[in-house]
Amino acid sequence: MAKRYTRIIVQEIRPIHELFRFSLVIFRLRASGTRPQTAARRLCRSIPVSRNRVVVFSHAACYVFLAMQARPRVALLIETSNAYARDLLYGVRAYLREHQSWSIYFGEHGRGDVLPSWLRQWKGDGIIARVEGQAMARVISATRLPVVDVSFGLERSPFPRVATNSQAVSRLAADHLLERGFKHFGFCGDSRYHWSNLRSRFFMDCVRAAGFHCDVFADLGAGARPISWERQIQALSAWVRKLPKPAGIMACYDLRGQQVLEACRRVGVAVPDSVAVIGVHNDELLCDLCDPPLSSVIPNARRAGYEAAALLERRMNGEQVAQQVILLDPIGIATRQSTDVVNLTDARMSQALRFIREHAADGITVDEVLRAVPMSRTVLERRFKRLLNCTPHDQIIRVRIERVKELLASTELTLAQIAERVGFGHAEYMSVAFKRLTGVSPGAFRARNRA
């Protein structure tokens, strides 16, 4: 198509001086590193507007031709040292596969590394970055390029942001621990990052709303000097030892969760019987390396990367985008051994909840729960209502819906296949139950949460 427009331009701009001037303008604009779209607009302004329809068409052809010649140059300032960041990159890749390709500037680095030296003189078109420090924000702002921030590391960012909804993350983690019958809670964060402080606040709000207290670990890492791993574990060990037990602890991210588990091991606190721990980001390798394996909230990082790429594309095309914040809800929870416990004084309720969690996807009914945990249906209903404020049937549906969310976001299975896999039997029944519990249809949830 580009060759076709070139032929039209050469044929229609017939005067030699016009063709020469056209070529000279192209050369100067491209040599200066100007973006194709900007170059095309300047070129059209440089050629006198004629009423001749052919010349006007030629001007438009020039615009299209130039816009097609070079890919936008985009820097991805995203670390590769953790699963959340890598999933952001997968999301960007998914967007590029569906839309115009970019010329990517990207180097392997970790969280908190010094920004690459080439950035200050770089002649690019846009940046996607995890902005988690004021110094980083200043350097990126100085480029005067369109930028999208894919972190909530700063309380106030000078850029539009796409990030995980920390309130939804904290609510999911709190509900997960409350359902297991805990009455004592703790939060372990990393005060260097605003998203951690948000999760702390929202988690405490959820716990207090349920009528309980939450202890917060006084983070050592807020100062200018880095704190060694050993000192952090020692401080965490002292905190864990003093916590009233049994307790449910939320860690702001999986690495913190691993540290909490190590602290529990050092002070001889049994996990999950005395302390249950849940992290965030579901870094599968890290979670499985933990002893015991760490339960974790599953964010929708790939969707965040996809939305960030779409937002940057709009900004690079000259669209005026407000300083908006796009928050994406988590997909669900990956339950592993660190929270695989039901800590209720009512032993039969604990048995019933464990049976539901393990067999909900098998299509069980309340009658089967009663066969596994013999008691009258009325007594079971009363105990569920008193301890969990729901019926046994509600709990079965809730567990199934959480599994449906995971499959909708992470697989290409049809609704009928998902319904069969999680125990609903029919897609129609599953869709009605899903919308009643979440407020959206399964199709809308998938569209919103897939990259």
Protein backbone atom coordinates (compact mmCIF):
# COMPACT_ATOMS: atom_id res chain seq x y z
CA MET A 1 0.00 0.00 0.00
CA ALA A 2 2.89 2.39 0.76
CA LYS A 3 4.30 1.84 -2.78
CA ARG A 4 0.88 2.65 -4.25
CA TYR A 5 0.75 5.98 -2.42
CA THR A 6 4.31 6.76 -3.53
CA ARG A 7 3.35 6.22 -7.17
CA ILE A 8 0.29 8.46 -6.79
CA ILE A 9 2.40 11.22 -5.23
CA VAL A 10 5.02 11.08 -7.98
CA GLN A 11 2.37 11.07 -10.73
CA GLU A 12 0.18 13.84 -9.35
CA ILE A 13 2.75 16.33 -8.02
CA ARG A 14 4.08 16.84 -11.51
CA PRO A 15 6.08 20.07 -11.33
CA ILE A 16 9.72 19.21 -10.66
CA HIS A 17 10.18 21.92 -8.05
CA GLU A 18 7.19 20.58 -6.07
CA LEU A 19 8.53 17.04 -6.16
CA PHE A 20 11.99 18.25 -5.13
CA ARG A 21 10.59 20.30 -2.24
CA PHE A 22 8.45 17.36 -1.15
CA SER A 23 11.53 15.08 -1.04
CA LEU A 24 13.60 17.67 0.83
CA VAL A 25 10.96 18.14 3.53
CA ILE A 26 10.66 14.37 4.00
CA PHE A 27 14.42 14.03 4.37
CA ARG A 28 14.73 16.81 6.93
CA LEU A 29 11.80 15.64 9.04
CA ARG A 30 12.87 12.00 9.08
CA ALA A 31 16.51 12.90 9.82
CA SER A 32 15.40 14.95 12.83
CA GLY A 33 13.69 11.92 14.39
CA THR A 34 10.22 13.45 14.11
CA ARG A 35 7.33 11.00 14.54
CA PRO A 36 5.71 9.98 11.22
CA GLN A 37 2.30 11.44 12.08
CA THR A 38 3.85 14.76 13.13
CA ALA A 39 6.07 14.78 10.03
CA ALA A 40 3.06 14.19 7.81
CA ARG A 41 1.14 17.10 9.31
CA ARG A 42 4.13 19.44 8.89
CA LEU A 43 4.58 18.26 5.31
CA CYS A 44 0.97 18.97 4.42
CA ARG A 45 1.34 22.47 5.89
CA SER A 46 4.55 23.04 3.90
CA ILE A 47 2.85 22.49 0.50
CA PRO A 48 0.50 25.34 -0.54
CA VAL A 49 -3.13 24.25 -0.40
CA SER A 50 -4.66 24.17 -3.88
CA ARG A 51 -8.26 23.90 -4.91
CA ASN A 52 -7.11 21.31 -7.39
CA ARG A 53 -8.71 18.09 -6.20
CA VAL A 54 -5.75 16.01 -7.37
CA VAL A 55 -3.26 18.06 -5.36
CA VAL A 56 -5.42 17.85 -2.23
CA PHE A 57 -5.59 14.11 -2.67
CA SER A 58 -1.84 14.01 -3.05
CA HIS A 59 -1.42 15.86 0.25
CA ALA A 60 -3.59 13.26 1.96
CA ALA A 61 -1.58 10.50 0.31
CA CYS A 62 1.61 12.07 1.69
CA TYR A 63 0.15 11.93 5.19
CA VAL A 64 -0.81 8.26 4.92
CA PHE A 65 2.49 7.34 3.28
CA LEU A 66 4.61 8.97 5.98
CA ALA A 67 2.47 7.58 8.80
CA MET A 68 3.14 4.08 7.52
CA GLN A 69 6.89 4.38 7.18
CA ALA A 70 8.15 4.04 10.76
CA ARG A 71 6.94 2.18 13.82
CA PRO A 72 6.39 4.22 16.99
CA ARG A 73 9.40 3.92 19.30
CA VAL A 74 8.30 2.92 22.79
CA ALA A 75 10.42 2.34 25.90
CA LEU A 76 9.21 -0.27 28.39
CA LEU A 77 10.67 0.62 31.79
CA ILE A 78 9.33 -2.49 33.50
CA GLU A 79 11.43 -4.93 35.51
CA THR A 80 11.57 -8.62 34.68
CA SER A 81 12.40 -9.78 38.21
CA ASN A 82 8.85 -10.67 39.30
CA ALA A 83 5.79 -12.35 37.83
CA TYR A 84 3.52 -9.28 38.04
CA ALA A 85 5.89 -7.19 35.91
CA ARG A 86 6.41 -9.99 33.41
CA ASP A 87 2.64 -10.36 33.06
CA LEU A 88 2.43 -6.62 32.33
CA LEU A 89 4.82 -7.24 29.44
CA TYR A 90 2.71 -10.15 28.22
CA GLY A 91 -0.27 -7.78 28.18
CA VAL A 92 1.63 -5.23 26.10
CA ARG A 93 2.60 -8.01 23.70
CA ALA A 94 -1.04 -9.09 23.39
CA TYR A 95 -2.05 -5.55 22.43
CA LEU A 96 0.68 -5.27 19.80
CA ARG A 97 -0.38 -8.55 18.22
CA GLU A 98 -3.84 -7.09 17.65
CA HIS A 99 -2.77 -3.59 16.61
CA GLN A 100 0.11 -1.65 15.09
CA SER A 101 3.57 -2.92 16.01
CA TRP A 102 6.02 -0.74 17.92
CA SER A 103 9.78 -0.53 17.92
CA ILE A 104 10.46 -1.59 21.52
CA TYR A 105 13.31 -0.21 23.63
CA PHE A 106 13.70 -2.60 26.53
CA GLY A 107 16.46 -3.81 28.80
CA GLU A 108 16.46 -6.40 31.55
CA HIS A 109 16.51 -4.80 34.98
CA GLY A 110 15.10 -5.20 38.47
CA ARG A 111 12.82 -3.11 40.66
CA GLY A 112 14.57 0.03 41.87
CA ASP A 113 17.43 -0.17 39.35
CA VAL A 114 18.90 3.05 37.96
CA LEU A 115 17.14 4.20 34.80
CA PRO A 116 19.08 3.46 31.58
CA SER A 117 21.50 6.23 30.60
CA TRP A 118 20.17 6.37 27.02
CA LEU A 119 16.76 7.60 28.21
CA ARG A 120 17.83 11.24 28.69
CA GLN A 121 18.87 11.66 25.03
CA TRP A 122 16.44 9.15 23.57
CA LYS A 123 14.31 10.31 20.61
CA GLY A 124 11.29 8.15 21.19
CA ASP A 125 7.53 8.38 20.93
CA GLY A 126 6.22 7.04 24.24
CA ILE A 127 6.99 5.28 27.52
CA ILE A 128 5.26 2.66 29.66
CA ALA A 129 6.88 2.53 33.10
CA ARG A 130 6.43 1.32 36.66
CA VAL A 131 7.01 4.68 38.34
CA GLU A 132 7.79 3.89 41.98
CA GLY A 133 9.98 6.83 43.01
CA GLN A 134 10.03 10.62 42.67
CA ALA A 135 13.49 10.60 41.05
CA MET A 136 12.23 8.23 38.36
CA ALA A 137 9.14 10.38 37.80
CA ARG A 138 11.30 13.50 37.31
CA VAL A 139 13.60 11.85 34.75
CA ILE A 140 10.69 10.46 32.76
CA SER A 141 8.78 13.77 32.89
CA ALA A 142 11.84 15.53 31.48
CA THR A 143 11.52 13.54 28.23
CA ARG A 144 8.20 15.34 27.55
CA LEU A 145 6.90 12.19 25.87
CA PRO A 146 3.50 10.52 26.31
CA VAL A 147 3.80 8.26 29.35
CA VAL A 148 1.57 5.67 31.04
CA ASP A 149 2.38 4.58 34.60
CA VAL A 150 1.59 0.93 35.43
CA SER A 151 2.14 1.23 39.18
CA PHE A 152 0.58 2.90 42.20
CA GLY A 153 3.98 3.30 43.80
CA LEU A 154 3.53 7.05 44.24
CA GLU A 155 0.61 8.67 45.98
CA ARG A 156 0.46 11.26 43.18
CA SER A 157 1.75 10.44 39.73
CA PRO A 158 2.20 13.05 36.97
CA PHE A 159 1.06 10.45 34.42
CA PRO A 160 -2.14 8.54 33.59
CA ARG A 161 -2.11 5.21 35.43
CA VAL A 162 -3.27 1.64 34.93
CA ALA A 163 -2.97 -0.41 38.11
CA THR A 164 -4.46 -3.12 40.31
CA ASN A 165 -7.42 -2.12 42.48
CA SER A 166 -5.87 -2.37 45.96
CA GLN A 167 -9.23 -2.04 47.69
CA ALA A 168 -10.58 -5.07 45.83
CA VAL A 169 -7.35 -6.99 46.55
CA SER A 170 -7.58 -6.30 50.29
CA ARG A 171 -11.27 -7.15 50.43
CA LEU A 172 -10.63 -10.48 48.69
CA ALA A 173 -7.78 -11.36 51.08
CA ALA A 174 -9.79 -10.32 54.16
CA ASP A 175 -12.84 -12.35 53.07
CA HIS A 176 -10.60 -15.35 52.42
CA LEU A 177 -9.24 -15.24 55.99
CA LEU A 178 -12.57 -14.38 57.60
CA GLU A 179 -14.22 -17.36 55.89
CA ARG A 180 -11.65 -19.56 57.61
CA GLY A 181 -12.86 -18.42 61.00
CA PHE A 182 -9.97 -16.22 62.14
CA LYS A 183 -10.61 -13.55 64.76
CA HIS A 184 -7.08 -12.11 64.97
CA PHE A 185 -5.41 -10.48 61.97
CA GLY A 186 -2.14 -8.93 60.88
CA PHE A 187 -0.84 -7.01 57.88
CA CYS A 188 2.76 -6.98 56.68
CA GLY A 189 3.55 -4.29 54.11
CA ASP A 190 6.34 -2.37 52.43
CA SER A 191 5.95 1.31 53.22
CA ARG A 192 8.16 2.40 50.31
CA TYR A 193 5.20 1.87 47.98
CA HIS A 194 1.88 3.69 48.09
CA TRP A 195 0.01 0.61 46.86
CA SER A 196 1.21 -1.27 49.95
CA ASN A 197 -0.05 1.50 52.24
CA LEU A 198 -3.41 1.42 50.45
CA ARG A 199 -3.69 -2.34 50.92
CA SER A 200 -2.88 -1.96 54.59
CA ARG A 201 -5.60 0.63 55.08
CA PHE A 202 -8.24 -1.26 53.12
CA PHE A 203 -7.43 -4.58 54.82
CA MET A 204 -7.78 -2.97 58.25
CA ASP A 205 -11.10 -1.44 57.17
CA CYS A 206 -12.44 -4.86 56.15
CA VAL A 207 -11.29 -6.49 59.39
CA ARG A 208 -12.76 -3.72 61.55
CA ALA A 209 -16.05 -3.87 59.64
CA ALA A 210 -16.22 -7.55 60.64
CA GLY A 211 -15.72 -6.56 64.29
CA PHE A 212 -12.06 -7.53 64.73
CA HIS A 213 -8.65 -5.88 65.23
CA CYS A 214 -5.67 -5.90 62.86
CA ASP A 215 -2.02 -5.55 63.93
CA VAL A 216 0.27 -3.91 61.36
CA PHE A 217 3.96 -4.76 61.12
CA ALA A 218 6.12 -1.64 61.58
CA ASP A 219 8.14 -1.88 58.37
CA LEU A 220 11.90 -1.30 58.65
CA GLY A 221 12.41 -0.43 54.99
CA ALA A 222 11.04 3.12 54.97
CA GLY A 223 14.39 4.83 55.60
CA ALA A 224 17.03 5.91 53.15
CA ARG A 225 19.39 3.02 53.95
CA PRO A 226 18.42 -0.48 52.76
CA ILE A 227 17.70 -3.04 55.47
CA SER A 228 19.33 -6.45 55.19
CA TRP A 229 17.22 -9.56 54.66
CA GLU A 230 18.34 -10.98 58.01
CA ARG A 231 17.32 -7.88 59.97
CA GLN A 232 13.89 -7.90 58.32
CA ILE A 233 13.36 -11.57 59.21
CA GLN A 234 14.43 -10.92 62.80
CA ALA A 235 11.98 -8.01 63.12
CA LEU A 236 9.21 -10.08 61.55
CA SER A 237 9.94 -12.98 63.89
CA ALA A 238 9.51 -10.73 66.93
CA TRP A 239 6.23 -9.39 65.50
CA VAL A 240 4.84 -12.86 64.70
CA ARG A 241 5.76 -14.11 68.19
CA LYS A 242 3.68 -11.34 69.81
CA LEU A 243 0.60 -11.73 67.59
CA PRO A 244 -2.47 -13.23 69.30
CA LYS A 245 -3.18 -16.60 67.74
CA PRO A 246 -4.61 -18.20 65.71
CA ALA A 247 -4.18 -15.30 63.26
CA GLY A 248 -4.64 -14.60 59.58
CA ILE A 249 -1.93 -12.41 57.99
CA MET A 250 -2.07 -10.55 54.69
CA ALA A 251 1.29 -9.74 53.07
CA CYS A 252 1.31 -6.82 50.62
CA TYR A 253 2.99 -9.00 47.97
CA ASP A 254 4.35 -12.53 47.66
CA LEU A 255 7.95 -11.77 48.62
CA ARG A 256 6.73 -10.31 51.91
CA GLY A 257 4.59 -13.41 52.36
CA GLN A 258 7.65 -15.61 51.94
CA GLN A 259 9.43 -13.57 54.64
CA VAL A 260 6.48 -13.98 57.01
CA LEU A 261 6.54 -17.76 56.48
CA GLU A 262 10.28 -17.84 57.19
CA ALA A 263 9.71 -15.83 60.38
CA CYS A 264 7.00 -18.29 61.48
CA ARG A 265 9.36 -21.20 60.90
CA ARG A 266 12.11 -19.57 62.98
CA VAL A 267 9.88 -18.97 66.00
CA GLY A 268 8.15 -22.35 65.76
CA VAL A 269 4.70 -21.08 64.78
CA ALA A 270 2.73 -23.70 62.83
CA VAL A 271 1.37 -22.63 59.42
CA PRO A 272 -1.53 -22.69 58.68
CA ASP A 273 -2.87 -23.96 62.04
CA SER A 274 -1.59 -21.09 64.23
CA VAL A 275 -0.94 -18.50 61.51
CA ALA A 276 -2.36 -18.45 57.98
CA VAL A 277 -0.60 -16.25 55.39
CA ILE A 278 -1.84 -14.88 52.07
CA GLY A 279 0.21 -12.83 49.61
CA VAL A 280 -0.57 -10.86 46.46
CA HIS A 281 0.48 -11.25 42.79
CA ASN A 282 0.45 -15.06 42.61
CA ASP A 283 4.08 -15.44 41.54
CA GLU A 284 3.72 -19.20 41.04
CA LEU A 285 7.41 -20.05 41.26
CA LEU A 286 7.94 -18.00 44.43
CA CYS A 287 4.69 -19.27 46.00
CA ASP A 288 5.62 -22.89 45.34
CA LEU A 289 9.13 -22.38 46.71
CA CYS A 290 7.66 -21.23 50.02
CA ASP A 291 7.33 -23.73 52.85
CA PRO A 292 4.40 -24.30 53.04
CA PRO A 293 3.31 -23.08 49.56
CA LEU A 294 1.85 -19.59 49.75
CA SER A 295 -1.76 -18.70 48.94
CA SER A 296 -2.01 -15.52 46.89
CA VAL A 297 -4.45 -13.04 45.36
CA ILE A 298 -4.34 -13.25 41.55
CA PRO A 299 -4.13 -9.78 39.96
CA ASN A 300 -5.08 -9.10 36.35
CA ALA A 301 -1.63 -7.90 35.33
CA ARG A 302 -1.91 -8.97 31.70
CA ARG A 303 -5.05 -6.92 31.28
CA ALA A 304 -3.26 -3.99 32.93
CA GLY A 305 -0.44 -4.23 30.38
CA TYR A 306 -2.96 -4.41 27.54
CA GLU A 307 -4.92 -1.37 28.77
CA ALA A 308 -1.69 0.58 29.32
CA ALA A 309 -0.60 -0.08 25.74
CA ALA A 310 -4.02 0.99 24.42
CA LEU A 311 -3.87 4.20 26.48
CA LEU A 312 -0.35 5.01 25.29
CA GLU A 313 -1.38 4.46 21.67
CA ARG A 314 -4.12 7.05 22.08
CA ARG A 315 -1.72 9.53 23.63
CA MET A 316 0.91 9.02 20.91
CA ASN A 317 -1.77 9.65 18.28
CA GLY A 318 -2.32 13.09 19.78
CA GLU A 319 -5.50 12.36 21.70
CA GLN A 320 -5.92 14.46 24.82
CA VAL A 321 -6.16 12.01 27.72
CA ALA A 322 -7.05 13.28 31.18
CA GLN A 323 -4.90 12.30 34.14
CA GLN A 324 -7.09 9.25 34.50
CA VAL A 325 -6.59 6.18 36.66
CA ILE A 326 -7.74 2.78 35.41
CA LEU A 327 -8.09 0.27 38.27
CA LEU A 328 -8.48 -3.43 37.51
CA ASP A 329 -10.02 -5.88 39.96
CA PRO A 330 -8.15 -9.09 40.83
CA ILE A 331 -9.24 -12.37 39.24
CA GLY A 332 -9.46 -14.43 42.41
CA ILE A 333 -7.31 -16.35 44.91
CA ALA A 334 -4.92 -19.23 44.33
CA THR A 335 -5.41 -21.23 47.54
CA ARG A 336 -2.37 -23.17 48.68
CA GLN A 337 -1.30 -24.79 51.93
CA SER A 338 -0.51 -21.54 53.80
CA THR A 339 -4.26 -20.83 54.24
CA ASP A 340 -5.66 -24.34 53.81
CA VAL A 341 -7.32 -24.39 57.20
CA VAL A 342 -10.71 -23.73 58.77
CA ASN A 343 -10.15 -22.19 62.16
CA LEU A 344 -13.55 -22.46 63.80
CA THR A 345 -14.30 -23.59 67.32
CA ASP A 346 -17.16 -25.53 65.77
CA ALA A 347 -15.38 -28.67 64.50
CA ARG A 348 -18.33 -29.81 62.40
CA MET A 349 -18.55 -26.46 60.65
CA SER A 350 -14.85 -26.72 59.88
CA GLN A 351 -15.46 -30.14 58.35
CA ALA A 352 -18.39 -28.87 56.31
CA LEU A 353 -16.45 -25.90 54.94
CA ARG A 354 -13.45 -28.05 54.03
CA PHE A 355 -15.73 -30.54 52.26
CA ILE A 356 -17.38 -27.73 50.26
CA ARG A 357 -14.03 -26.21 49.30
CA GLU A 358 -12.66 -29.54 48.12
CA HIS A 359 -15.77 -30.83 46.32
CA ALA A 360 -17.83 -27.81 45.16
CA ALA A 361 -16.64 -28.33 41.57
CA ASP A 362 -17.86 -31.94 41.68
CA GLY A 363 -21.48 -30.77 41.57
CA ILE A 364 -22.24 -31.49 45.24
CA THR A 365 -25.50 -30.49 46.92
CA VAL A 366 -26.32 -29.66 50.53
CA ASP A 367 -27.51 -33.25 50.99
CA GLU A 368 -24.03 -34.51 50.20
CA VAL A 369 -22.54 -32.06 52.71
CA LEU A 370 -24.91 -33.52 55.32
CA ARG A 371 -23.84 -37.04 54.45
CA ALA A 372 -20.19 -36.05 54.91
CA VAL A 373 -20.90 -34.17 58.16
CA PRO A 374 -23.96 -35.82 59.76
CA MET A 375 -26.39 -33.39 61.41
CA SER A 376 -29.86 -32.11 60.72
CA ARG A 377 -30.31 -29.68 57.81
CA THR A 378 -31.81 -27.09 60.14
CA VAL A 379 -28.82 -27.16 62.47
CA LEU A 380 -26.39 -26.86 59.54
CA GLU A 381 -28.30 -23.92 58.09
CA ARG A 382 -28.39 -22.20 61.48
CA ARG A 383 -24.66 -22.64 62.08
CA PHE A 384 -23.77 -21.33 58.62
CA LYS A 385 -25.99 -18.31 59.12
CA ARG A 386 -24.50 -17.54 62.53
CA LEU A 387 -20.81 -17.97 61.59
CA LEU A 388 -20.71 -16.97 57.90
CA ASN A 389 -23.98 -15.10 57.37
CA CYS A 390 -24.90 -17.34 54.43
CA THR A 391 -26.49 -20.72 53.75
CA PRO A 392 -24.56 -23.91 52.84
CA HIS A 393 -25.95 -23.62 49.31
CA ASP A 394 -24.70 -20.01 49.08
CA GLN A 395 -21.24 -21.16 50.12
CA ILE A 396 -21.16 -23.89 47.47
CA ILE A 397 -22.14 -21.38 44.78
CA ARG A 398 -19.57 -18.85 46.04
CA VAL A 399 -16.72 -21.37 45.79
CA ARG A 400 -17.81 -22.38 42.28
CA ILE A 401 -18.05 -18.77 41.10
CA GLU A 402 -14.48 -18.05 42.25
CA ARG A 403 -13.32 -20.97 40.12
CA VAL A 404 -15.40 -19.71 37.19
CA LYS A 405 -13.65 -16.33 37.41
CA GLU A 406 -10.23 -17.97 37.19
CA LEU A 407 -11.21 -20.04 34.16
CA LEU A 408 -12.84 -17.10 32.37
CA ALA A 409 -9.75 -14.96 32.77
CA SER A 410 -7.07 -17.56 32.10
CA THR A 411 -8.51 -20.01 29.52
CA GLU A 412 -10.37 -20.11 26.20
CA LEU A 413 -12.91 -22.66 27.48
CA THR A 414 -16.51 -22.07 26.39
CA LEU A 415 -19.17 -21.26 28.98
CA ALA A 416 -20.59 -24.75 28.58
CA GLN A 417 -17.19 -26.33 29.23
CA ILE A 418 -16.60 -24.13 32.28
CA ALA A 419 -20.08 -24.90 33.66
CA GLU A 420 -19.39 -28.62 33.39
CA ARG A 421 -15.92 -28.30 34.89
CA VAL A 422 -17.01 -26.39 38.01
CA GLY A 423 -20.15 -28.39 38.78
CA PHE A 424 -22.94 -26.16 37.44
CA GLY A 425 -23.97 -28.59 34.73
CA HIS A 426 -25.59 -25.98 32.45
CA ALA A 427 -24.14 -22.72 31.14
CA GLU A 428 -27.48 -20.94 31.58
CA TYR A 429 -27.67 -21.76 35.29
CA MET A 430 -24.04 -20.75 35.74
CA SER A 431 -24.61 -17.43 33.95
CA VAL A 432 -27.59 -16.54 36.15
CA ALA A 433 -25.69 -17.41 39.34
CA PHE A 434 -22.59 -15.56 38.15
CA LYS A 435 -24.47 -12.35 37.37
CA ARG A 436 -26.41 -12.49 40.63
CA LEU A 437 -23.17 -12.73 42.64
CA THR A 438 -20.88 -10.43 40.61
CA GLY A 439 -23.28 -8.03 38.90
CA VAL A 440 -21.96 -8.80 35.39
CA SER A 441 -22.42 -11.63 32.92
CA PRO A 442 -19.63 -14.21 32.39
CA GLY A 443 -19.07 -12.83 28.88
CA ALA A 444 -18.67 -9.27 30.15
CA PHE A 445 -16.32 -10.46 32.91
CA ARG A 446 -14.17 -12.31 30.38
CA ALA A 447 -14.04 -9.33 28.01
CA ARG A 448 -13.02 -7.04 30.85
CA ASN A 449 -10.40 -9.35 32.34
CA ARG A 450 -8.72 -10.92 29.32
CA ALA A 451 -5.77 -9.26 27.61
